[in-house]
Amino acid sequence: MKKKRLGCLTLAGLVAVFVTLLVVVGVSLAQGGVLYSPGALSARTGAQSLGGVRSHAEIGGKCRDCHTSPLDGQKMADRCQACHTDLLQDARSFHSVMLAQSQVVTCYRCHPDHNGPNAPTTNASLKDFPHNKIGFSLQSHQKKADGSAFACSDCHGADFTHFDQQTCITCHSKIDATFIQAHVEAFGQDCRACHDGVDSYGHAFDHNKLTFQLQGKHASVSCAGCHQGAKNIADLKATPQNCSACHAKDDAHNGRLGQDCGKCHVPDDWKQATFDHNQAAFKLLGRHATVDCAACHANNVFKGTPQDCHACHAKDDHHTGQFGTDCGKCHVPDDWKQATFDHNLSPFKLVGAHATVDCAACHVNNVFQGTPQDCHSCHSKDDHHNGQFGTDCGACHTPDAWLPATFDHSKSAFPLTGAHLTLQCTQCHVNNVFTGTPTTCVSCHAQPAYHLGLFGTGCATCHTTGGWSPALFKGPHAFPIRHGGARTCRNCHPANLMTWTCYSCHNQAEMIAKHRGEGITNISNCIGCHPSGQGGD
């Protein structure tokens, strides 16, 4: 005989139960919980009607008015806001800030219902209220100074939706009144402008994690000492970090060394200053590295200190300024006495035998400036010409050796041409006398007697240096010499070369009669008709 099984435990029965439950749950969810109720709604009335009702109980059990379906695009918080619009009209209000600060804060976490008609709709304990979501954490406010736990009313009073900044000052003054008074005077009464409840800018703040670390004496300076007038975080961050912003009043250099105090000073002690002079324009080399600062920077004056050698070493200048003020041309910082001078950089270069001459030979008594540069100033004692050739020895002599000497007569006032080139110097410069040697022809070439003094001293008028004869007469016409058998010039030029007569040889009366017979009446200028001296001209 078969055993009978209960119908609900059959496979078909189990499926039917499961489907039924799915339908019930689905309908319940889709309808916003219309099939069940966890408890009565609060009947406490508000000051004004919202959405046509004054309490949740007056909604009339329409669950879907508050509870949305998971399939719906809205959330229950949206339904709350649809009625309680007055709470969100001010963007600065408590509820507006709550919604803006966090998307996880929901209305029902603080405002539960279904706890009975007389139950309040606000959870006054707020033990799990996400206080940090509204910009102020309660991490540092777990217990009061007496060790007891904080309650919302300790800071917010009866209305926890508002907060009075004076509450912070009053509470913390009980802990340290002196500090709070000074803190408020320095940074103002808006505590939340800097403090966030987790001591980001309080006891937990570590300045050394910032770019500007508090080292040395900076660690003992009060916050207000650097952050003067700061009223919020932005003001604190805007505080300048350069030394001069705080220490300009302590700058004994009066800005002469710039504003980067850290180049020399350290936070441990303002007076413990170091300066790397080699980073300056004037590097300390040789003995300069051991000189006391005050030796160059008198009265602590640094900016504008001269950098030229002579400004400091004028008293050590044994040349008394004869070499100018650029001591570095010869001297080095290692030793003042280790001096070198490149004479070839001066206007007078040492070449030839001059390169081996001792300095004192030219610079007597160590007098350098003004030393003459012409040859004769040093070599007058060697001048065998006794000054006859002047003082420009370089015209003939060279620095390599005093002898041999050369003289280019073509560069003198009397160039040698023609037969003059083969003459011995002594033929003109008797007894080696050169200065004052005459340059006129007649000085060497006395006028011959047959000139009878008619041609003066201008020998070059007829003669050339190529040879004394033949001579060329450069007259105003081509009248031939020795015309008509004339033996001397005086036959035609009885008085001087500029006047002449034809009638010393030609009978004047005969000539007049002859020319008149030819119809010529003017016979005053014979050359005018007879330029070549011929009768047929």
Protein backbone atom coordinates (compact mmCIF):
# COMPACT_ATOMS: atom_id res chain seq x y z
CA MET A 1 0.00 0.00 0.00
CA LYS A 2 1.44 3.48 -1.07
CA LYS A 3 2.06 6.15 1.55
CA LYS A 4 0.19 9.44 1.02
CA ARG A 5 2.38 12.67 0.97
CA LEU A 6 1.15 16.08 2.00
CA GLY A 7 0.17 18.10 -1.08
CA CYS A 8 2.29 21.15 -0.13
CA LEU A 9 5.41 19.11 0.03
CA THR A 10 5.12 17.82 -3.45
CA LEU A 11 7.26 19.34 -6.10
CA ALA A 12 4.27 21.01 -7.64
CA GLY A 13 3.21 22.33 -4.26
CA LEU A 14 6.63 23.81 -3.53
CA VAL A 15 6.72 25.54 -6.90
CA ALA A 16 3.25 26.94 -6.30
CA VAL A 17 4.29 28.35 -2.92
CA PHE A 18 7.44 29.92 -4.37
CA VAL A 19 5.53 31.55 -7.23
CA THR A 20 2.90 32.87 -4.82
CA LEU A 21 5.57 34.46 -2.64
CA LEU A 22 7.20 36.06 -5.66
CA VAL A 23 3.91 37.53 -6.74
CA VAL A 24 3.18 38.88 -3.28
CA VAL A 25 6.62 40.42 -2.87
CA GLY A 26 6.62 41.80 -6.39
CA VAL A 27 3.25 43.43 -6.01
CA SER A 28 4.28 44.80 -2.64
CA LEU A 29 7.43 46.34 -4.02
CA ALA A 30 5.79 47.63 -7.15
CA GLN A 31 3.04 49.30 -5.16
CA GLY A 32 5.32 50.87 -2.63
CA GLY A 33 4.50 48.64 0.30
CA VAL A 34 0.71 48.70 0.04
CA LEU A 35 0.38 45.18 1.37
CA TYR A 36 1.92 45.77 4.80
CA SER A 37 2.59 48.45 7.48
CA PRO A 38 5.27 48.30 10.21
CA GLY A 39 3.34 50.61 12.50
CA ALA A 40 1.18 53.70 12.84
CA LEU A 41 2.44 57.00 11.44
CA SER A 42 3.19 59.96 13.69
CA ALA A 43 0.18 62.16 14.37
CA ARG A 44 2.19 65.07 15.72
CA THR A 45 1.17 68.19 13.83
CA GLY A 46 3.44 70.77 12.39
CA ALA A 47 3.15 74.55 12.53
CA GLN A 48 1.83 74.69 8.98
CA SER A 49 0.19 72.50 6.39
CA LEU A 50 2.53 70.85 3.89
CA GLY A 51 1.03 69.17 0.86
CA GLY A 52 -2.45 69.52 2.36
CA VAL A 53 -1.65 67.75 5.62
CA ARG A 54 -0.23 68.78 9.01
CA SER A 55 1.08 65.37 10.10
CA HIS A 56 2.24 62.10 8.54
CA ALA A 57 -0.86 60.37 9.94
CA GLU A 58 -3.07 62.54 7.79
CA ILE A 59 -1.47 61.06 4.64
CA GLY A 60 -4.19 58.41 4.96
CA GLY A 61 -2.15 55.28 4.63
CA LYS A 62 -1.08 55.88 1.07
CA CYS A 63 2.28 54.25 1.38
CA ARG A 64 3.25 55.05 -2.14
CA ASP A 65 3.08 58.77 -1.35
CA CYS A 66 6.35 58.32 0.53
CA HIS A 67 7.73 54.90 -0.36
CA THR A 68 8.88 54.50 -3.95
CA SER A 69 9.21 51.33 -5.94
CA PRO A 70 12.68 50.07 -6.79
CA LEU A 71 11.51 50.32 -10.37
CA ASP A 72 10.78 54.00 -9.91
CA GLY A 73 13.39 56.62 -10.90
CA GLN A 74 12.79 58.59 -7.68
CA LYS A 75 13.88 57.82 -4.13
CA MET A 76 12.00 58.29 -0.92
CA ALA A 77 14.16 61.35 -0.15
CA ASP A 78 12.78 62.96 -3.31
CA ARG A 79 9.26 62.47 -1.92
CA CYS A 80 10.31 64.09 1.35
CA GLN A 81 11.72 67.10 -0.47
CA ALA A 82 8.54 67.41 -2.52
CA CYS A 83 6.61 68.23 0.65
CA HIS A 84 9.23 69.85 2.87
CA THR A 85 10.29 72.50 0.39
CA ASP A 86 10.54 75.10 3.16
CA LEU A 87 13.57 73.31 4.59
CA LEU A 88 15.52 73.71 1.34
CA GLN A 89 14.65 77.26 0.33
CA ASP A 90 17.86 78.66 1.88
CA ALA A 91 20.97 77.11 0.33
CA ARG A 92 22.85 77.87 3.55
CA SER A 93 20.31 76.11 5.78
CA PHE A 94 21.20 72.98 7.70
CA HIS A 95 19.22 70.63 5.49
CA SER A 96 20.48 72.20 2.24
CA VAL A 97 24.07 71.81 3.44
CA MET A 98 23.37 68.20 4.43
CA LEU A 99 22.10 67.31 0.98
CA ALA A 100 24.90 69.22 -0.77
CA GLN A 101 27.70 67.70 1.34
CA SER A 102 26.75 64.05 1.03
CA GLN A 103 24.71 61.83 -1.22
CA VAL A 104 24.57 59.07 1.42
CA VAL A 105 22.65 61.06 4.01
CA THR A 106 18.97 60.06 3.78
CA CYS A 107 16.03 61.68 5.48
CA TYR A 108 14.88 58.57 7.34
CA ARG A 109 18.23 58.20 9.15
CA CYS A 110 17.34 61.22 11.23
CA HIS A 111 13.54 61.26 10.79
CA PRO A 112 12.12 57.76 11.41
CA ASP A 113 8.35 57.04 11.47
CA HIS A 114 5.89 54.18 11.97
CA ASN A 115 6.68 54.25 15.70
CA GLY A 116 3.17 55.18 16.77
CA PRO A 117 0.94 58.27 16.63
CA ASN A 118 2.71 59.99 19.53
CA ALA A 119 6.26 59.19 18.50
CA PRO A 120 8.46 62.12 17.37
CA THR A 121 9.65 62.16 13.77
CA THR A 122 13.14 63.34 14.72
CA ASN A 123 15.80 61.16 16.34
CA ALA A 124 17.10 63.50 19.05
CA SER A 125 20.00 61.27 20.00
CA LEU A 126 21.62 61.32 16.54
CA LYS A 127 24.26 58.92 17.75
CA ASP A 128 25.06 57.87 14.21
CA PHE A 129 24.71 61.31 12.64
CA PRO A 130 27.44 61.74 9.94
CA HIS A 131 28.67 65.01 11.31
CA ASN A 132 31.81 64.99 9.15
CA LYS A 133 29.64 65.14 6.04
CA ILE A 134 28.66 68.73 6.81
CA GLY A 135 32.27 69.95 7.00
CA PHE A 136 33.02 69.47 10.70
CA SER A 137 34.10 66.17 12.19
CA LEU A 138 33.42 65.20 15.81
CA GLN A 139 36.66 63.21 15.93
CA SER A 140 38.25 65.67 18.38
CA HIS A 141 35.00 66.28 20.28
CA GLN A 142 34.25 62.85 21.70
CA LYS A 143 34.53 63.89 25.32
CA LYS A 144 34.31 67.17 27.14
CA ALA A 145 37.00 68.57 29.42
CA ASP A 146 35.43 66.79 32.42
CA GLY A 147 35.59 63.43 30.61
CA SER A 148 31.86 63.13 29.89
CA ALA A 149 30.57 62.48 26.38
CA PHE A 150 29.40 65.31 24.17
CA ALA A 151 25.72 65.66 23.42
CA CYS A 152 24.32 67.60 20.48
CA SER A 153 22.86 70.15 22.84
CA ASP A 154 26.30 70.94 24.26
CA CYS A 155 27.14 72.74 21.03
CA HIS A 156 23.77 73.35 19.37
CA GLY A 157 21.50 73.99 22.36
CA ALA A 158 17.83 73.23 21.73
CA ASP A 159 18.05 73.79 17.97
CA PHE A 160 20.76 71.55 16.50
CA THR A 161 20.13 72.92 13.02
CA HIS A 162 22.00 76.10 13.97
CA PHE A 163 25.39 76.77 15.49
CA ASP A 164 26.78 79.84 17.24
CA GLN A 165 30.55 80.41 16.80
CA GLN A 166 30.67 81.86 20.30
CA THR A 167 30.05 78.34 21.59
CA CYS A 168 33.61 77.34 20.59
CA ILE A 169 35.14 80.35 22.30
CA THR A 170 33.10 79.87 25.48
CA CYS A 171 33.88 76.17 25.75
CA HIS A 172 37.59 76.40 24.98
CA SER A 173 38.07 79.41 27.25
CA LYS A 174 37.29 77.09 30.13
CA ILE A 175 40.31 75.02 29.12
CA ASP A 176 42.81 77.84 28.43
CA ALA A 177 41.34 81.32 28.59
CA THR A 178 44.68 83.08 27.97
CA PHE A 179 45.39 81.12 24.81
CA ILE A 180 41.87 81.52 23.43
CA GLN A 181 41.87 85.27 24.03
CA ALA A 182 45.18 85.66 22.16
CA HIS A 183 44.04 83.23 19.44
CA VAL A 184 40.80 85.13 18.82
CA GLU A 185 42.65 88.45 18.73
CA ALA A 186 45.08 87.03 16.15
CA PHE A 187 42.74 85.02 13.92
CA GLY A 188 39.19 86.26 14.62
CA GLN A 189 36.09 84.55 16.01
CA ASP A 190 35.17 82.40 13.01
CA CYS A 191 36.72 79.18 14.35
CA ARG A 192 35.30 76.99 11.58
CA ALA A 193 37.11 79.11 8.97
CA CYS A 194 40.25 77.14 9.92
CA HIS A 195 39.20 74.23 12.16
CA ASP A 196 37.44 71.13 10.81
CA GLY A 197 37.16 69.03 13.96
CA VAL A 198 40.03 66.67 13.06
CA ASP A 199 42.68 69.20 14.03
CA SER A 200 43.98 69.59 10.45
CA TYR A 201 45.17 73.00 11.63
CA GLY A 202 45.17 72.26 15.35
CA HIS A 203 47.12 69.91 17.62
CA ALA A 204 47.60 67.39 14.82
CA PHE A 205 49.01 69.95 12.38
CA ASP A 206 52.64 69.27 11.35
CA HIS A 207 54.19 72.30 9.72
CA ASN A 208 57.25 70.28 8.71
CA LYS A 209 55.18 68.37 6.17
CA LEU A 210 54.79 71.61 4.23
CA THR A 211 57.28 73.27 1.89
CA PHE A 212 58.25 75.73 4.61
CA GLN A 213 59.51 73.62 7.50
CA LEU A 214 59.91 75.09 10.97
CA GLN A 215 63.56 74.68 11.81
CA GLY A 216 65.81 76.36 14.33
CA LYS A 217 64.25 79.41 15.94
CA HIS A 218 61.32 79.27 13.55
CA ALA A 219 59.97 76.34 15.59
CA SER A 220 59.42 78.55 18.65
CA VAL A 221 57.68 81.39 16.81
CA SER A 222 53.93 81.67 17.42
CA CYS A 223 51.60 81.09 14.47
CA ALA A 224 50.49 84.73 14.57
CA GLY A 225 54.13 85.78 14.34
CA CYS A 226 54.18 84.78 10.66
CA HIS A 227 50.47 84.54 9.81
CA GLN A 228 49.52 88.03 10.87
CA GLY A 229 45.97 89.04 9.98
CA ALA A 230 45.04 85.55 8.69
CA LYS A 231 41.31 84.84 9.12
CA ASN A 232 40.91 81.63 7.13
CA ILE A 233 42.78 78.79 5.44
CA ALA A 234 43.31 80.82 2.27
CA ASP A 235 44.98 83.56 4.31
CA LEU A 236 47.24 81.02 6.01
CA LYS A 237 48.34 79.53 2.69
CA ALA A 238 48.93 82.99 1.20
CA THR A 239 51.55 83.86 3.83
CA PRO A 240 54.83 84.70 2.02
CA GLN A 241 57.68 82.25 2.54
CA ASN A 242 60.63 84.47 1.65
CA CYS A 243 62.86 85.59 4.50
CA SER A 244 62.65 89.28 3.73
CA ALA A 245 58.88 89.36 4.26
CA CYS A 246 59.44 88.83 7.99
CA HIS A 247 63.04 89.91 8.50
CA ALA A 248 63.23 93.14 6.52
CA LYS A 249 63.38 95.02 9.81
CA ASP A 250 66.37 92.89 10.87
CA ASP A 251 68.28 93.46 7.63
CA ALA A 252 71.41 95.25 8.70
CA HIS A 253 72.40 95.40 5.02
CA ASN A 254 69.39 97.57 4.17
CA GLY A 255 68.62 95.49 1.10
CA ARG A 256 72.11 95.85 -0.39
CA LEU A 257 72.54 92.07 -0.60
CA GLY A 258 69.09 91.37 -1.97
CA GLN A 259 66.19 89.58 -0.25
CA ASP A 260 67.39 85.97 -0.23
CA CYS A 261 68.59 85.97 3.40
CA GLY A 262 69.00 82.18 3.29
CA LYS A 263 72.13 82.56 1.16
CA CYS A 264 74.00 83.58 4.29
CA HIS A 265 71.76 83.17 7.35
CA VAL A 266 70.36 80.00 8.93
CA PRO A 267 67.20 79.51 11.05
CA ASP A 268 69.24 78.40 14.09
CA ASP A 269 70.73 81.85 14.66
CA TRP A 270 70.42 85.06 12.68
CA LYS A 271 73.97 86.06 13.57
CA GLN A 272 75.49 82.78 12.40
CA ALA A 273 75.83 83.98 8.83
CA THR A 274 77.92 82.50 6.08
CA PHE A 275 78.51 83.85 2.62
CA ASP A 276 80.00 82.01 -0.33
CA HIS A 277 81.90 84.83 -1.94
CA ASN A 278 82.71 82.63 -4.92
CA GLN A 279 79.06 82.85 -5.95
CA ALA A 280 79.42 86.62 -6.15
CA ALA A 281 80.81 88.59 -9.06
CA PHE A 282 84.09 89.05 -7.14
CA LYS A 283 85.52 85.63 -6.26
CA LEU A 284 87.97 85.34 -3.39
CA LEU A 285 91.16 83.80 -4.74
CA GLY A 286 94.65 83.53 -3.26
CA ARG A 287 95.18 85.82 -0.28
CA HIS A 288 91.80 87.43 -0.78
CA ALA A 289 90.26 84.29 0.75
CA THR A 290 91.89 85.04 4.14
CA VAL A 291 91.16 88.76 4.30
CA ASP A 292 88.72 89.89 6.99
CA CYS A 293 85.37 91.01 5.57
CA ALA A 294 85.64 94.42 7.25
CA ALA A 295 88.90 95.10 5.44
CA CYS A 296 86.95 95.52 2.19
CA HIS A 297 83.44 96.12 3.53
CA ALA A 298 84.05 98.97 5.94
CA ASN A 299 81.18 99.67 8.36
CA ASN A 300 79.35 96.59 7.03
CA VAL A 301 78.69 98.28 3.72
CA PHE A 302 78.54 95.52 1.11
CA LYS A 303 76.60 96.73 -1.87
CA GLY A 304 78.63 99.02 -4.10
CA THR A 305 82.00 97.85 -2.75
CA PRO A 306 84.49 98.54 -5.57
CA GLN A 307 85.91 95.46 -7.26
CA ASP A 308 88.98 96.99 -8.90
CA CYS A 309 92.39 96.29 -7.39
CA HIS A 310 93.47 99.88 -7.05
CA ALA A 311 90.52 100.80 -4.82
CA CYS A 312 92.05 98.64 -2.04
CA HIS A 313 95.71 98.54 -3.06
CA ALA A 314 96.42 102.16 -3.92
CA LYS A 315 98.57 102.38 -0.79
CA ASP A 316 100.59 99.39 -1.99
CA ASP A 317 101.18 100.82 -5.45
CA HIS A 318 104.93 101.43 -5.59
CA HIS A 319 104.47 102.60 -9.16
CA THR A 320 102.52 105.60 -7.84
CA GLY A 321 99.91 105.21 -10.54
CA GLN A 322 102.39 105.15 -13.42
CA PHE A 323 100.94 101.87 -14.72
CA GLY A 324 97.34 102.91 -14.25
CA THR A 325 94.86 101.21 -11.90
CA ASP A 326 94.53 97.75 -13.47
CA CYS A 327 96.90 95.96 -11.10
CA GLY A 328 95.73 92.56 -12.39
CA LYS A 329 97.69 93.07 -15.60
CA CYS A 330 100.85 92.24 -13.66
CA HIS A 331 99.94 91.10 -10.14
CA VAL A 332 98.08 87.99 -8.98
CA PRO A 333 96.00 87.43 -5.80
CA ASP A 334 98.39 84.71 -4.55
CA ASP A 335 101.24 87.13 -3.92
CA TRP A 336 101.52 90.84 -4.56
CA LYS A 337 105.23 90.52 -5.31
CA GLN A 338 104.76 87.81 -7.93
CA ALA A 339 104.25 90.30 -10.72
CA THR A 340 104.52 89.74 -14.43
CA PHE A 341 104.21 92.22 -17.25
CA ASP A 342 103.69 91.44 -20.91
CA HIS A 343 105.44 94.36 -22.52
CA ASN A 344 104.06 93.31 -25.89
CA LEU A 345 100.60 94.32 -24.70
CA SER A 346 101.87 97.87 -24.22
CA PRO A 347 102.28 100.48 -26.98
CA PHE A 348 106.05 99.81 -26.96
CA LYS A 349 106.61 96.15 -27.87
CA LEU A 350 109.96 94.55 -26.99
CA VAL A 351 111.42 93.04 -30.15
CA GLY A 352 114.95 92.17 -31.18
CA ALA A 353 117.67 93.18 -28.72
CA HIS A 354 115.12 95.12 -26.69
CA ALA A 355 113.66 91.83 -25.41
CA THR A 356 116.84 91.11 -23.41
CA VAL A 357 117.36 94.55 -21.93
CA ASP A 358 116.96 94.88 -18.15
CA CYS A 359 113.88 96.82 -17.11
CA ALA A 360 115.93 99.32 -15.10
CA ALA A 361 117.95 100.22 -18.18
CA CYS A 362 114.90 102.03 -19.57
CA HIS A 363 112.85 102.54 -16.40
CA VAL A 364 115.40 104.29 -14.21
CA ASN A 365 114.48 104.38 -10.49
CA ASN A 366 111.41 102.23 -11.26
CA VAL A 367 109.76 105.10 -13.09
CA PHE A 368 107.50 103.49 -15.68
CA GLN A 369 104.80 105.89 -16.67
CA GLY A 370 106.06 108.54 -19.05
CA THR A 371 109.11 106.56 -20.15
CA PRO A 372 109.97 107.91 -23.64
CA GLN A 373 109.43 105.51 -26.52
CA ASP A 374 111.62 107.17 -29.18
CA CYS A 375 115.02 105.65 -30.01
CA HIS A 376 117.09 108.75 -29.46
CA SER A 377 116.05 109.12 -25.80
CA CYS A 378 117.97 105.95 -24.96
CA HIS A 379 120.48 105.82 -27.80
CA SER A 380 121.69 109.42 -28.05
CA LYS A 381 125.05 108.28 -26.61
CA ASP A 382 125.32 105.77 -29.46
CA ASP A 383 124.59 108.34 -32.16
CA HIS A 384 127.81 108.64 -34.13
CA HIS A 385 126.05 111.07 -36.43
CA ASN A 386 125.90 113.59 -33.60
CA GLY A 387 122.28 114.28 -34.34
CA GLN A 388 122.92 115.12 -37.98
CA PHE A 389 120.27 112.62 -39.09
CA GLY A 390 117.77 113.78 -36.49
CA THR A 391 116.33 111.60 -33.72
CA ASP A 392 114.48 109.01 -35.78
CA CYS A 393 117.08 106.24 -35.51
CA GLY A 394 114.55 103.72 -36.83
CA ALA A 395 114.84 105.31 -40.26
CA CYS A 396 118.15 103.41 -40.67
CA HIS A 397 118.65 101.15 -37.65
CA THR A 398 116.56 98.15 -36.44
CA PRO A 399 115.97 96.70 -32.92
CA ASP A 400 117.80 93.49 -33.91
CA ALA A 401 121.22 95.22 -33.92
CA TRP A 402 122.60 98.72 -34.05
CA LEU A 403 124.64 97.70 -37.10
CA PRO A 404 124.28 97.16 -39.98
CA ALA A 405 122.22 100.21 -40.73
CA THR A 406 120.37 101.09 -43.88
CA PHE A 407 119.25 104.42 -45.26
CA ASP A 408 116.68 104.85 -47.99
CA HIS A 409 117.63 108.17 -49.56
CA SER A 410 114.49 108.02 -51.70
CA LYS A 411 112.44 108.58 -48.52
CA SER A 412 114.37 111.72 -47.71
CA ALA A 413 113.77 115.23 -49.00
CA PHE A 414 116.48 114.68 -51.65
CA PRO A 415 115.83 111.40 -53.57
CA LEU A 416 118.87 110.11 -55.44
CA THR A 417 118.33 109.74 -59.20
CA GLY A 418 120.56 109.38 -62.26
CA ALA A 419 124.27 109.83 -61.65
CA HIS A 420 123.62 110.73 -58.01
CA LEU A 421 122.91 107.03 -57.28
CA THR A 422 126.57 106.04 -57.87
CA LEU A 423 128.14 108.74 -55.77
CA GLN A 424 129.83 108.01 -52.46
CA CYS A 425 128.04 109.45 -49.46
CA THR A 426 131.11 111.47 -48.48
CA GLN A 427 131.10 113.30 -51.84
CA CYS A 428 128.02 115.17 -50.64
CA HIS A 429 128.31 114.60 -46.87
CA VAL A 430 131.86 115.77 -46.29
CA ASN A 431 133.33 114.59 -42.99
CA ASN A 432 130.13 112.58 -42.37
CA VAL A 433 128.14 115.73 -41.93
CA PHE A 434 124.59 114.90 -42.92
CA THR A 435 122.32 117.40 -41.28
CA GLY A 436 122.23 120.65 -43.20
CA THR A 437 123.66 119.22 -46.40
CA PRO A 438 122.48 121.60 -49.17
CA THR A 439 120.15 120.19 -51.79
CA THR A 440 120.60 122.82 -54.53
CA CYS A 441 122.64 121.91 -57.64
CA VAL A 442 124.83 124.98 -57.56
CA SER A 443 126.00 124.03 -54.03
CA CYS A 444 127.94 121.11 -55.52
CA HIS A 445 128.08 122.17 -59.16
CA ALA A 446 129.57 125.67 -59.39
CA GLN A 447 128.31 127.64 -62.42
CA PRO A 448 130.83 127.24 -65.29
CA ALA A 449 132.53 130.34 -66.59
CA TYR A 450 131.14 130.00 -70.06
CA HIS A 451 127.62 130.65 -68.72
CA LEU A 452 128.87 134.13 -67.90
CA GLY A 453 126.31 134.17 -65.10
CA LEU A 454 123.47 134.49 -67.54
CA PHE A 455 121.52 131.37 -66.40
CA GLY A 456 121.41 131.96 -62.64
CA THR A 457 121.52 128.99 -60.19
CA GLY A 458 118.66 126.91 -61.58
CA CYS A 459 120.86 124.26 -63.23
CA ALA A 460 117.91 121.84 -63.57
CA THR A 461 116.39 124.22 -66.11
CA CYS A 462 118.77 122.78 -68.70
CA HIS A 463 120.67 119.94 -67.04
CA THR A 464 119.44 116.56 -65.62
CA THR A 465 120.90 114.09 -63.09
CA GLY A 466 121.40 111.64 -65.94
CA GLY A 467 124.43 113.64 -67.17
CA TRP A 468 125.79 117.16 -67.08
CA SER A 469 125.81 117.28 -70.86
CA PRO A 470 124.23 117.44 -73.27
CA ALA A 471 122.20 120.22 -71.78
CA LEU A 472 118.69 120.97 -72.84
CA PHE A 473 117.58 124.56 -73.11
CA LYS A 474 113.92 124.84 -72.30
CA GLY A 475 113.16 128.22 -73.85
CA PRO A 476 109.78 129.56 -75.02
CA HIS A 477 110.58 128.74 -78.71
CA ALA A 478 112.61 126.39 -80.90
CA PHE A 479 115.18 128.92 -81.97
CA PRO A 480 118.39 126.95 -82.56
CA ILE A 481 121.51 127.27 -80.50
CA ARG A 482 124.62 128.47 -82.40
CA HIS A 483 122.37 130.35 -84.86
CA GLY A 484 124.35 132.16 -87.51
CA GLY A 485 127.66 131.01 -86.08
CA ALA A 486 127.11 132.78 -82.74
CA ARG A 487 129.96 131.84 -80.48
CA THR A 488 128.35 132.70 -77.14
CA CYS A 489 124.86 133.30 -75.80
CA ARG A 490 125.82 136.92 -75.23
CA ASN A 491 126.07 137.44 -79.01
CA CYS A 492 122.24 137.35 -79.04
CA HIS A 493 121.49 138.00 -75.32
CA PRO A 494 123.75 140.92 -74.47
CA ALA A 495 121.95 141.79 -71.24
CA ASN A 496 120.22 138.56 -69.97
CA LEU A 497 118.53 135.45 -71.25
CA MET A 498 115.09 137.06 -71.21
CA THR A 499 116.00 139.72 -73.77
CA TRP A 500 117.69 139.38 -77.12
CA THR A 501 118.57 141.25 -80.33
CA CYS A 502 119.01 140.16 -83.96
CA TYR A 503 120.88 143.30 -84.90
CA SER A 504 124.15 142.27 -83.28
CA CYS A 505 124.70 140.26 -86.49
CA HIS A 506 122.11 141.67 -88.96
CA ASN A 507 122.42 145.29 -90.06
CA GLN A 508 119.28 146.94 -88.89
CA ALA A 509 119.11 149.56 -91.73
CA GLU A 510 119.54 146.90 -94.36
CA MET A 511 116.86 144.73 -92.76
CA ILE A 512 114.38 147.62 -92.62
CA ALA A 513 114.98 148.52 -96.28
CA LYS A 514 114.73 144.90 -97.37
CA HIS A 515 111.45 144.21 -95.50
CA ARG A 516 109.87 147.49 -96.68
CA GLY A 517 110.68 146.46 -100.22
CA GLU A 518 108.67 143.31 -99.48
CA GLY A 519 105.83 145.38 -98.06
CA ILE A 520 106.60 144.55 -94.40
CA THR A 521 106.61 147.56 -92.16
CA ASN A 522 106.66 145.98 -88.66
CA ILE A 523 110.00 144.34 -88.02
CA SER A 524 110.04 144.71 -84.18
CA ASN A 525 109.58 140.92 -83.53
CA CYS A 526 111.88 138.93 -85.82
CA ILE A 527 111.04 135.58 -84.13
CA GLY A 528 107.39 136.11 -84.85
CA CYS A 529 108.14 135.60 -88.58
CA HIS A 530 111.35 133.56 -88.24
CA PRO A 531 110.66 131.08 -85.34
CA SER A 532 113.23 128.57 -86.56
CA GLY A 533 115.86 131.19 -87.46
CA GLN A 534 115.53 130.53 -91.19
CA GLY A 535 114.98 133.27 -93.77
CA GLY A 536 112.20 131.37 -95.48
CA ASP A 537 109.99 131.11 -92.36
